[in-house]
Protein backbone atom coordinates (compact mmCIF):
# COMPACT_ATOMS: atom_id res chain seq x y z
CA MET A 1 -9.25 13.53 -10.73
CA LEU A 2 -10.70 10.31 -9.50
CA ARG A 3 -13.62 10.86 -11.51
CA TYR A 4 -11.64 11.23 -14.71
CA ALA A 5 -9.75 7.97 -13.93
CA LEU A 6 -13.07 6.34 -13.55
CA ILE A 7 -14.40 7.90 -16.85
CA PHE A 8 -11.27 6.63 -18.74
CA PHE A 9 -11.65 3.08 -17.17
CA VAL A 10 -15.27 2.98 -18.37
CA ILE A 11 -14.06 4.10 -21.85
CA ALA A 12 -11.63 1.38 -21.83
CA LEU A 13 -14.18 -1.31 -20.97
CA ILE A 14 -16.47 -0.26 -23.61
CA ALA A 15 -13.73 -0.09 -26.25
CA ALA A 16 -12.67 -3.51 -25.19
CA LEU A 17 -16.09 -5.00 -25.55
CA PHE A 18 -16.28 -3.56 -29.24
CA GLY A 19 -12.77 -4.82 -29.99
CA PHE A 20 -10.84 -1.50 -30.21
CA SER A 21 -7.81 -2.78 -28.31
CA GLY A 22 -5.61 0.15 -29.10
CA ILE A 23 -8.09 2.75 -27.72
CA ALA A 24 -8.69 0.37 -24.71
CA ALA A 25 -5.11 0.27 -23.87
CA GLY A 26 -4.73 3.99 -24.27
CA ALA A 27 -7.59 4.79 -22.08
CA VAL A 28 -6.23 2.24 -19.39
CA ASN A 29 -3.07 3.86 -19.25
CA ILE A 30 -4.48 7.27 -18.96
CA ALA A 31 -6.81 5.86 -15.98
CA GLN A 32 -3.93 4.30 -14.27
CA ILE A 33 -1.90 7.48 -14.38
CA LEU A 34 -4.69 9.66 -13.05
CA PHE A 35 -5.38 7.17 -10.32
CA PHE A 36 -1.84 7.06 -9.09
CA VAL A 37 -1.51 10.85 -9.30
CA PHE A 38 -4.89 11.00 -7.11
CA ILE A 39 -3.42 8.57 -4.61
CA VAL A 40 -0.23 10.53 -4.33
CA LEU A 41 -2.02 13.75 -3.92
CA ALA A 42 -4.48 12.24 -1.34
CA VAL A 43 -1.54 10.88 0.73
CA ALA A 44 0.24 14.25 0.48
CA SER A 45 -2.85 16.19 1.54
CA PHE A 46 -3.29 13.63 4.54
CA LEU A 47 0.14 13.95 5.63
CA PHE A 48 0.29 17.81 5.53
CA GLY A 49 -3.11 18.14 7.18
CA ALA A 50 -1.98 15.80 9.93
CA MET A 51 1.28 18.00 10.38
CA LYS A 52 -0.70 21.27 10.83
CA LYS A 53 -2.90 20.19 13.60
CA PRO A 54 -1.25 20.08 17.03
């Protein structure tokens, strides 16, 4: 999931360089959503993993 966030970020950078602001804004929004979902899942995984081990 973090890979997709980075891909959309790169797409946003390239689109911004060529002046496609609408596409860049959309790609940035998708990248932000994927990044925050990744962070939430990583934290949840860490917490549940820490609870299982005695």
